[in-house]
Amino acid sequence: RAKHKAALRQERLKKKRLAQARRALREGRFRTVENVTGRILNQLPTDRDAKQLRARAGRARKALLAATRAFKRADCVRTLAQLKPVIREAPRARSISRMAKACKQALPPKQL
């Protein structure tokens, strides 16, 4: 009975942490995602959801670093291309959308 309660408590905690990590991912807080999923994986090393979420955050963070490097070089075409998967993962991240908006405004207008 005590083991069952402990397992239920651990499952509830895992769900709560996964929800927290998903929310952080949508907001573009990739380090938070990695920390929270790391805590889950310390308890349950084979948890598929936590592994997938951590991998998504890692890919998005890597793409964001590449986009930032391109943005600093004023290469807006490459910046926007690199930001596409990041925006898909983190649609509510203000700094990312600001960077994309600045690049879109810097590019010449498209032909009709």
N, C-alpha and C. Protein backbone atom coordinates (compact mmCIF):
# COMPACT_ATOMS: atom_id res chain seq x y z
N ARG A 1 0.83 -1.19 0.00
CA ARG A 1 0.00 0.00 0.00
C ARG A 1 0.88 1.25 0.00
N ALA A 2 1.92 1.26 0.79
CA ALA A 2 2.80 2.42 0.86
C ALA A 2 3.57 2.59 -0.46
N LYS A 3 3.97 1.47 -1.04
CA LYS A 3 4.67 1.53 -2.33
C LYS A 3 3.75 2.09 -3.40
N HIS A 4 2.50 1.68 -3.36
CA HIS A 4 1.52 2.15 -4.34
C HIS A 4 1.33 3.67 -4.23
N LYS A 5 1.22 4.16 -3.00
CA LYS A 5 1.06 5.61 -2.77
C LYS A 5 2.29 6.37 -3.25
N ALA A 6 3.46 5.82 -2.98
CA ALA A 6 4.70 6.47 -3.41
C ALA A 6 4.78 6.51 -4.93
N ALA A 7 4.36 5.43 -5.58
CA ALA A 7 4.38 5.39 -7.04
C ALA A 7 3.40 6.40 -7.62
N LEU A 8 2.23 6.51 -7.02
CA LEU A 8 1.25 7.50 -7.48
C LEU A 8 1.77 8.92 -7.30
N ARG A 9 2.39 9.17 -6.16
CA ARG A 9 2.95 10.50 -5.88
C ARG A 9 4.04 10.84 -6.91
N GLN A 10 4.89 9.86 -7.20
CA GLN A 10 5.97 10.07 -8.15
C GLN A 10 5.41 10.34 -9.56
N GLU A 11 4.36 9.63 -9.92
CA GLU A 11 3.72 9.81 -11.24
C GLU A 11 3.11 11.21 -11.34
N ARG A 12 2.43 11.65 -10.25
CA ARG A 12 1.84 12.99 -10.24
C ARG A 12 2.92 14.07 -10.37
N LEU A 13 4.01 13.87 -9.65
CA LEU A 13 5.12 14.82 -9.70
C LEU A 13 5.73 14.87 -11.10
N LYS A 14 5.84 13.69 -11.72
CA LYS A 14 6.39 13.63 -13.08
C LYS A 14 5.48 14.40 -14.05
N LYS A 15 4.17 14.20 -13.95
CA LYS A 15 3.23 14.90 -14.83
C LYS A 15 3.31 16.40 -14.63
N LYS A 16 3.42 16.81 -13.37
CA LYS A 16 3.52 18.24 -13.06
C LYS A 16 4.80 18.84 -13.64
N ARG A 17 5.91 18.12 -13.50
CA ARG A 17 7.18 18.61 -14.03
C ARG A 17 7.18 18.63 -15.55
N LEU A 18 6.57 17.62 -16.17
CA LEU A 18 6.49 17.61 -17.63
C LEU A 18 5.65 18.79 -18.14
N ALA A 19 4.56 19.09 -17.45
CA ALA A 19 3.74 20.23 -17.83
C ALA A 19 4.54 21.53 -17.68
N GLN A 20 5.31 21.63 -16.61
CA GLN A 20 6.16 22.80 -16.38
C GLN A 20 7.20 22.92 -17.51
N ALA A 21 7.78 21.79 -17.91
CA ALA A 21 8.80 21.80 -18.97
C ALA A 21 8.18 22.18 -20.32
N ARG A 22 6.99 21.68 -20.60
CA ARG A 22 6.31 22.04 -21.86
C ARG A 22 6.00 23.52 -21.91
N ARG A 23 5.54 24.06 -20.79
CA ARG A 23 5.24 25.49 -20.71
C ARG A 23 6.51 26.30 -20.93
N ALA A 24 7.60 25.88 -20.31
CA ALA A 24 8.87 26.58 -20.47
C ALA A 24 9.36 26.50 -21.91
N LEU A 25 9.15 25.38 -22.57
CA LEU A 25 9.55 25.23 -23.96
C LEU A 25 8.77 26.19 -24.84
N ARG A 26 7.47 26.29 -24.64
CA ARG A 26 6.65 27.23 -25.43
C ARG A 26 7.11 28.67 -25.24
N GLU A 27 7.61 28.97 -24.04
CA GLU A 27 8.05 30.33 -23.74
C GLU A 27 9.52 30.57 -24.12
N GLY A 28 10.20 29.54 -24.61
CA GLY A 28 11.58 29.70 -25.05
C GLY A 28 12.61 29.63 -23.93
N ARG A 29 12.26 29.07 -22.80
CA ARG A 29 13.21 28.93 -21.69
C ARG A 29 13.82 27.53 -21.74
N PHE A 30 14.80 27.38 -22.61
CA PHE A 30 15.36 26.06 -22.91
C PHE A 30 16.16 25.49 -21.75
N ARG A 31 16.86 26.32 -21.01
CA ARG A 31 17.62 25.81 -19.85
C ARG A 31 16.69 25.23 -18.80
N THR A 32 15.57 25.91 -18.58
CA THR A 32 14.59 25.41 -17.62
C THR A 32 14.10 24.03 -18.04
N VAL A 33 13.83 23.87 -19.33
CA VAL A 33 13.36 22.58 -19.85
C VAL A 33 14.41 21.51 -19.56
N GLU A 34 15.66 21.83 -19.84
CA GLU A 34 16.72 20.84 -19.61
C GLU A 34 16.88 20.51 -18.13
N ASN A 35 16.75 21.51 -17.27
CA ASN A 35 16.85 21.25 -15.83
C ASN A 35 15.70 20.37 -15.33
N VAL A 36 14.48 20.72 -15.72
CA VAL A 36 13.31 19.98 -15.25
C VAL A 36 13.32 18.55 -15.78
N THR A 37 13.61 18.39 -17.07
CA THR A 37 13.65 17.03 -17.62
C THR A 37 14.82 16.25 -17.04
N GLY A 38 15.89 16.92 -16.70
CA GLY A 38 17.02 16.26 -16.05
C GLY A 38 16.62 15.69 -14.70
N ARG A 39 15.81 16.45 -13.96
CA ARG A 39 15.32 15.96 -12.66
C ARG A 39 14.44 14.72 -12.84
N ILE A 40 13.60 14.76 -13.87
CA ILE A 40 12.73 13.61 -14.14
C ILE A 40 13.59 12.40 -14.51
N LEU A 41 14.59 12.63 -15.37
CA LEU A 41 15.42 11.52 -15.82
C LEU A 41 16.33 10.97 -14.71
N ASN A 42 16.62 11.77 -13.70
CA ASN A 42 17.36 11.25 -12.54
C ASN A 42 16.51 10.21 -11.80
N GLN A 43 15.22 10.48 -11.71
CA GLN A 43 14.31 9.56 -11.02
C GLN A 43 13.95 8.36 -11.92
N LEU A 44 13.64 8.68 -13.19
CA LEU A 44 13.19 7.64 -14.13
C LEU A 44 14.04 7.75 -15.41
N PRO A 45 15.19 7.10 -15.47
CA PRO A 45 16.12 7.26 -16.59
C PRO A 45 15.58 6.85 -17.95
N THR A 46 14.52 6.05 -17.99
CA THR A 46 14.00 5.58 -19.27
C THR A 46 12.73 6.30 -19.70
N ASP A 47 12.37 7.41 -19.06
CA ASP A 47 11.13 8.10 -19.38
C ASP A 47 11.20 8.71 -20.79
N ARG A 48 10.35 8.22 -21.67
CA ARG A 48 10.37 8.62 -23.08
C ARG A 48 9.96 10.08 -23.27
N ASP A 49 8.91 10.52 -22.58
CA ASP A 49 8.42 11.90 -22.73
C ASP A 49 9.49 12.91 -22.33
N ALA A 50 10.15 12.67 -21.23
CA ALA A 50 11.19 13.59 -20.76
C ALA A 50 12.37 13.62 -21.73
N LYS A 51 12.74 12.45 -22.26
CA LYS A 51 13.84 12.40 -23.23
C LYS A 51 13.49 13.18 -24.49
N GLN A 52 12.27 12.99 -24.99
CA GLN A 52 11.85 13.68 -26.20
C GLN A 52 11.79 15.19 -25.99
N LEU A 53 11.26 15.60 -24.86
CA LEU A 53 11.16 17.03 -24.55
C LEU A 53 12.54 17.66 -24.42
N ARG A 54 13.44 16.94 -23.79
CA ARG A 54 14.82 17.43 -23.63
C ARG A 54 15.51 17.54 -24.99
N ALA A 55 15.28 16.57 -25.86
CA ALA A 55 15.88 16.60 -27.20
C ALA A 55 15.32 17.76 -28.02
N ARG A 56 14.01 17.98 -27.93
CA ARG A 56 13.40 19.11 -28.66
C ARG A 56 13.98 20.44 -28.19
N ALA A 57 14.14 20.59 -26.88
CA ALA A 57 14.71 21.83 -26.34
C ALA A 57 16.16 22.00 -26.79
N GLY A 58 16.91 20.91 -26.80
CA GLY A 58 18.30 20.98 -27.24
C GLY A 58 18.42 21.39 -28.70
N ARG A 59 17.57 20.80 -29.56
CA ARG A 59 17.59 21.18 -30.98
C ARG A 59 17.20 22.64 -31.18
N ALA A 60 16.18 23.08 -30.45
CA ALA A 60 15.73 24.47 -30.58
C ALA A 60 16.81 25.43 -30.08
N ARG A 61 17.46 25.07 -28.99
CA ARG A 61 18.52 25.94 -28.46
C ARG A 61 19.70 26.04 -29.43
N LYS A 62 20.04 24.92 -30.04
CA LYS A 62 21.13 24.90 -31.02
C LYS A 62 20.77 25.78 -32.23
N ALA A 63 19.54 25.66 -32.71
CA ALA A 63 19.10 26.48 -33.84
C ALA A 63 19.06 27.96 -33.45
N LEU A 64 18.68 28.25 -32.22
CA LEU A 64 18.65 29.64 -31.76
C LEU A 64 20.06 30.22 -31.71
N LEU A 65 21.03 29.43 -31.27
CA LEU A 65 22.42 29.91 -31.26
C LEU A 65 22.90 30.21 -32.67
N ALA A 66 22.56 29.35 -33.62
CA ALA A 66 22.95 29.58 -35.01
C ALA A 66 22.26 30.83 -35.56
N ALA A 67 20.98 31.01 -35.22
CA ALA A 67 20.24 32.19 -35.67
C ALA A 67 20.82 33.46 -35.07
N THR A 68 21.21 33.40 -33.82
CA THR A 68 21.81 34.58 -33.16
C THR A 68 23.13 34.95 -33.82
N ARG A 69 23.94 33.94 -34.15
CA ARG A 69 25.20 34.23 -34.84
C ARG A 69 24.94 34.89 -36.19
N ALA A 70 23.96 34.39 -36.94
CA ALA A 70 23.62 34.98 -38.23
C ALA A 70 23.06 36.39 -38.06
N PHE A 71 22.28 36.59 -37.01
CA PHE A 71 21.69 37.92 -36.73
C PHE A 71 22.79 38.93 -36.44
N LYS A 72 23.80 38.52 -35.69
CA LYS A 72 24.91 39.42 -35.38
C LYS A 72 25.72 39.78 -36.62
N ARG A 73 25.73 38.88 -37.61
CA ARG A 73 26.42 39.15 -38.87
C ARG A 73 25.51 39.89 -39.85
N ALA A 74 24.30 40.21 -39.45
CA ALA A 74 23.30 40.89 -40.27
C ALA A 74 22.89 40.05 -41.47
N ASP A 75 22.89 38.73 -41.31
CA ASP A 75 22.46 37.81 -42.36
C ASP A 75 21.02 37.42 -42.06
N CYS A 76 20.08 38.27 -42.49
CA CYS A 76 18.68 38.07 -42.10
C CYS A 76 18.04 36.87 -42.79
N VAL A 77 18.46 36.55 -43.99
CA VAL A 77 17.88 35.39 -44.67
C VAL A 77 18.20 34.12 -43.88
N ARG A 78 19.45 33.96 -43.49
CA ARG A 78 19.86 32.78 -42.71
C ARG A 78 19.22 32.82 -41.32
N THR A 79 19.13 34.00 -40.72
CA THR A 79 18.52 34.13 -39.40
C THR A 79 17.09 33.61 -39.42
N LEU A 80 16.32 34.06 -40.41
CA LEU A 80 14.92 33.63 -40.49
C LEU A 80 14.81 32.13 -40.75
N ALA A 81 15.71 31.61 -41.57
CA ALA A 81 15.68 30.16 -41.84
C ALA A 81 15.99 29.37 -40.57
N GLN A 82 16.96 29.85 -39.79
CA GLN A 82 17.32 29.16 -38.55
C GLN A 82 16.24 29.32 -37.48
N LEU A 83 15.52 30.43 -37.51
CA LEU A 83 14.50 30.68 -36.47
C LEU A 83 13.21 29.90 -36.70
N LYS A 84 12.98 29.43 -37.91
CA LYS A 84 11.73 28.73 -38.20
C LYS A 84 11.44 27.58 -37.24
N PRO A 85 12.37 26.63 -37.04
CA PRO A 85 12.06 25.55 -36.08
C PRO A 85 11.99 26.03 -34.63
N VAL A 86 12.72 27.10 -34.32
CA VAL A 86 12.69 27.63 -32.96
C VAL A 86 11.32 28.23 -32.67
N ILE A 87 10.80 28.98 -33.64
CA ILE A 87 9.48 29.60 -33.46
C ILE A 87 8.41 28.53 -33.36
N ARG A 88 8.58 27.43 -34.08
CA ARG A 88 7.62 26.32 -34.01
C ARG A 88 7.60 25.72 -32.60
N GLU A 89 8.78 25.59 -31.99
CA GLU A 89 8.86 25.02 -30.64
C GLU A 89 8.50 26.02 -29.55
N ALA A 90 8.87 27.29 -29.77
CA ALA A 90 8.68 28.31 -28.74
C ALA A 90 7.91 29.51 -29.30
N PRO A 91 6.62 29.33 -29.60
CA PRO A 91 5.86 30.42 -30.21
C PRO A 91 5.63 31.63 -29.31
N ARG A 92 5.76 31.44 -28.00
CA ARG A 92 5.49 32.55 -27.08
C ARG A 92 6.74 33.27 -26.59
N ALA A 93 7.90 32.97 -27.19
CA ALA A 93 9.14 33.61 -26.77
C ALA A 93 9.24 34.98 -27.42
N ARG A 94 9.19 36.01 -26.60
CA ARG A 94 9.19 37.38 -27.12
C ARG A 94 10.51 37.75 -27.80
N SER A 95 11.62 37.37 -27.20
CA SER A 95 12.91 37.76 -27.76
C SER A 95 13.12 37.13 -29.14
N ILE A 96 12.64 35.92 -29.31
CA ILE A 96 12.78 35.24 -30.59
C ILE A 96 11.90 35.91 -31.64
N SER A 97 10.67 36.23 -31.28
CA SER A 97 9.79 36.88 -32.24
C SER A 97 10.27 38.29 -32.56
N ARG A 98 10.89 38.97 -31.59
CA ARG A 98 11.47 40.30 -31.87
C ARG A 98 12.60 40.21 -32.88
N MET A 99 13.44 39.18 -32.72
CA MET A 99 14.56 38.99 -33.65
C MET A 99 14.02 38.72 -35.06
N ALA A 100 13.01 37.87 -35.16
CA ALA A 100 12.42 37.55 -36.46
C ALA A 100 11.78 38.79 -37.08
N LYS A 101 11.09 39.57 -36.27
CA LYS A 101 10.43 40.78 -36.77
C LYS A 101 11.45 41.79 -37.28
N ALA A 102 12.54 41.96 -36.54
CA ALA A 102 13.59 42.89 -36.96
C ALA A 102 14.18 42.46 -38.29
N CYS A 103 14.37 41.18 -38.48
CA CYS A 103 14.93 40.68 -39.74
C CYS A 103 13.93 40.84 -40.89
N LYS A 104 12.67 40.56 -40.63
CA LYS A 104 11.66 40.71 -41.68
C LYS A 104 11.56 42.15 -42.14
N GLN A 105 11.70 43.08 -41.20
CA GLN A 105 11.64 44.50 -41.56
C GLN A 105 12.89 44.96 -42.29
N ALA A 106 14.02 44.30 -42.04
CA ALA A 106 15.28 44.69 -42.67
C ALA A 106 15.38 44.19 -44.11
N LEU A 107 14.65 43.11 -44.42
CA LEU A 107 14.71 42.56 -45.78
C LEU A 107 13.94 43.44 -46.76
N PRO A 108 14.35 43.45 -48.02
CA PRO A 108 13.58 44.22 -49.00
C PRO A 108 12.21 43.58 -49.20
N PRO A 109 11.24 44.36 -49.64
CA PRO A 109 9.90 43.80 -49.83
C PRO A 109 9.88 42.74 -50.93
N LYS A 110 9.00 41.77 -50.79
CA LYS A 110 8.88 40.71 -51.79
C LYS A 110 8.10 41.22 -53.00
N GLN A 111 8.40 40.65 -54.15
CA GLN A 111 7.68 41.00 -55.37
C GLN A 111 6.25 40.48 -55.31
N LEU A 112 5.36 41.22 -55.90
CA LEU A 112 3.95 40.79 -55.92
C LEU A 112 3.70 39.78 -57.00
